[in-house]
């Protein structure tokens, strides 16, 4: 999965911006280092995009609906076989 560079830039800039005043003089350097560190850490995680998650959520919902229908069919067949 490709990580959104804008998201990483925003996150690293927020971290750098919230450092104490004495550290803000090194802000650009810290921003670059934080960005590289965040990118490396996030790339090791097994993440999916929101779109991929929503697609899988929809697939799961359809699967649950089909399972429910099949369970009803099996129950009806069992009732017919017994009766």
C-alpha atoms as a PDB file:
ATOM      1  CA  UNK A   1       0.000   0.000   0.000  1.00  0.00           C
ATOM      2  CA  UNK A   2       1.313   3.437  -0.885  1.00  0.00           C
ATOM      3  CA  UNK A   3       1.104   5.932   1.936  1.00  0.00           C
ATOM      4  CA  UNK A   4      -0.174   9.420   1.185  1.00  0.00           C
ATOM      5  CA  UNK A   5       2.854  11.742   1.300  1.00  0.00           C
ATOM      6  CA  UNK A   6       0.617  14.689   2.266  1.00  0.00           C
ATOM      7  CA  UNK A   7      -0.573  12.801   5.340  1.00  0.00           C
ATOM      8  CA  UNK A   8       2.992  12.045   6.422  1.00  0.00           C
ATOM      9  CA  UNK A   9       4.065  15.655   5.762  1.00  0.00           C
ATOM     10  CA  UNK A  10       1.120  16.967   7.780  1.00  0.00           C
ATOM     11  CA  UNK A  11       1.767  14.625  10.692  1.00  0.00           C
ATOM     12  CA  UNK A  12       5.498  15.330  10.822  1.00  0.00           C
ATOM     13  CA  UNK A  13       4.902  19.099  10.550  1.00  0.00           C
ATOM     14  CA  UNK A  14       2.376  18.949  13.404  1.00  0.00           C
ATOM     15  CA  UNK A  15       4.868  17.091  15.574  1.00  0.00           C
ATOM     16  CA  UNK A  16       7.614  19.586  14.771  1.00  0.00           C
ATOM     17  CA  UNK A  17       5.292  22.575  15.346  1.00  0.00           C
ATOM     18  CA  UNK A  18       4.381  21.339  18.830  1.00  0.00           C
ATOM     19  CA  UNK A  19       7.950  21.137  20.065  1.00  0.00           C
ATOM     20  CA  UNK A  20       9.145  23.631  22.691  1.00  0.00           C
ATOM     21  CA  UNK A  21      10.438  27.010  21.401  1.00  0.00           C
ATOM     22  CA  UNK A  22      14.090  26.059  21.829  1.00  0.00           C
ATOM     23  CA  UNK A  23      13.637  23.170  19.445  1.00  0.00           C
ATOM     24  CA  UNK A  24      11.736  25.176  16.845  1.00  0.00           C
ATOM     25  CA  UNK A  25      14.990  26.677  15.562  1.00  0.00           C
ATOM     26  CA  UNK A  26      15.768  23.187  14.321  1.00  0.00           C
ATOM     27  CA  UNK A  27      12.243  22.801  12.933  1.00  0.00           C
ATOM     28  CA  UNK A  28      13.134  22.181   9.270  1.00  0.00           C
ATOM     29  CA  UNK A  29      15.720  19.568  10.145  1.00  0.00           C
ATOM     30  CA  UNK A  30      13.368  17.956  12.637  1.00  0.00           C
ATOM     31  CA  UNK A  31      10.557  18.001  10.088  1.00  0.00           C
ATOM     32  CA  UNK A  32      12.689  16.088   7.578  1.00  0.00           C
ATOM     33  CA  UNK A  33      13.853  13.598  10.205  1.00  0.00           C
ATOM     34  CA  UNK A  34      10.367  13.120  11.653  1.00  0.00           C
ATOM     35  CA  UNK A  35       8.943  12.638   8.168  1.00  0.00           C
ATOM     36  CA  UNK A  36      11.524   9.987   7.329  1.00  0.00           C
ATOM     37  CA  UNK A  37      10.973   8.229  10.657  1.00  0.00           C
ATOM     38  CA  UNK A  38       7.193   8.302  10.313  1.00  0.00           C
ATOM     39  CA  UNK A  39       7.334   7.059   6.745  1.00  0.00           C
ATOM     40  CA  UNK A  40       9.609   4.175   7.756  1.00  0.00           C
ATOM     41  CA  UNK A  41       7.454   3.228  10.755  1.00  0.00           C
ATOM     42  CA  UNK A  42       4.162   3.437   8.881  1.00  0.00           C
ATOM     43  CA  UNK A  43       5.483   1.485   5.908  1.00  0.00           C
ATOM     44  CA  UNK A  44       6.203  -1.466   8.232  1.00  0.00           C
ATOM     45  CA  UNK A  45       2.574  -1.576   9.364  1.00  0.00           C
ATOM     46  CA  UNK A  46       0.064  -3.700   7.511  1.00  0.00           C
ATOM     47  CA  UNK A  47      -2.400  -0.898   6.731  1.00  0.00           C
ATOM     48  CA  UNK A  48      -5.195  -0.623   4.201  1.00  0.00           C
ATOM     49  CA  UNK A  49      -6.715   2.485   2.719  1.00  0.00           C
ATOM     50  CA  UNK A  50     -10.170   3.676   3.770  1.00  0.00           C
ATOM     51  CA  UNK A  51     -11.443   2.704   0.302  1.00  0.00           C
ATOM     52  CA  UNK A  52     -10.078  -0.851   0.628  1.00  0.00           C
ATOM     53  CA  UNK A  53     -11.599  -1.124   4.095  1.00  0.00           C
ATOM     54  CA  UNK A  54     -15.026   0.026   2.889  1.00  0.00           C
ATOM     55  CA  UNK A  55     -14.932  -2.404  -0.040  1.00  0.00           C
ATOM     56  CA  UNK A  56     -14.140  -5.308   2.287  1.00  0.00           C
ATOM     57  CA  UNK A  57     -16.837  -4.137   4.701  1.00  0.00           C
ATOM     58  CA  UNK A  58     -19.400  -4.232   1.855  1.00  0.00           C
ATOM     59  CA  UNK A  59     -18.208  -7.706   0.792  1.00  0.00           C
ATOM     60  CA  UNK A  60     -18.561  -8.927   4.378  1.00  0.00           C
ATOM     61  CA  UNK A  61     -22.091  -7.501   4.627  1.00  0.00           C
ATOM     62  CA  UNK A  62     -23.145  -9.255   1.388  1.00  0.00           C
ATOM     63  CA  UNK A  63     -21.586 -12.492   2.638  1.00  0.00           C
ATOM     64  CA  UNK A  64     -23.511 -12.239   5.910  1.00  0.00           C
ATOM     65  CA  UNK A  65     -26.756 -11.677   3.999  1.00  0.00           C
ATOM     66  CA  UNK A  66     -26.102 -14.717   1.770  1.00  0.00           C
ATOM     67  CA  UNK A  67     -25.242 -16.828   4.817  1.00  0.00           C
ATOM     68  CA  UNK A  68     -28.482 -15.816   6.523  1.00  0.00           C
ATOM     69  CA  UNK A  69     -30.473 -16.739   3.388  1.00  0.00           C
ATOM     70  CA  UNK A  70     -28.693 -20.105   3.128  1.00  0.00           C
ATOM     71  CA  UNK A  71     -29.342 -20.834   6.804  1.00  0.00           C
ATOM     72  CA  UNK A  72     -33.037 -20.154   6.208  1.00  0.00           C
ATOM     73  CA  UNK A  73     -33.016 -22.477   3.180  1.00  0.00           C
ATOM     74  CA  UNK A  74     -31.345 -25.266   5.161  1.00  0.00           C
ATOM     75  CA  UNK A  75     -33.847 -24.842   8.000  1.00  0.00           C
ATOM     76  CA  UNK A  76     -36.735 -25.030   5.500  1.00  0.00           C
ATOM     77  CA  UNK A  77     -35.283 -28.143   3.858  1.00  0.00           C
ATOM     78  CA  UNK A  78     -34.743 -29.790   7.235  1.00  0.00           C
ATOM     79  CA  UNK A  79     -38.336 -29.006   8.238  1.00  0.00           C
ATOM     80  CA  UNK A  80     -39.625 -30.501   4.969  1.00  0.00           C
ATOM     81  CA  UNK A  81     -37.486 -33.631   5.363  1.00  0.00           C
ATOM     82  CA  UNK A  82     -38.721 -34.180   8.917  1.00  0.00           C
ATOM     83  CA  UNK A  83     -42.377 -33.540   8.179  1.00  0.00           C
END
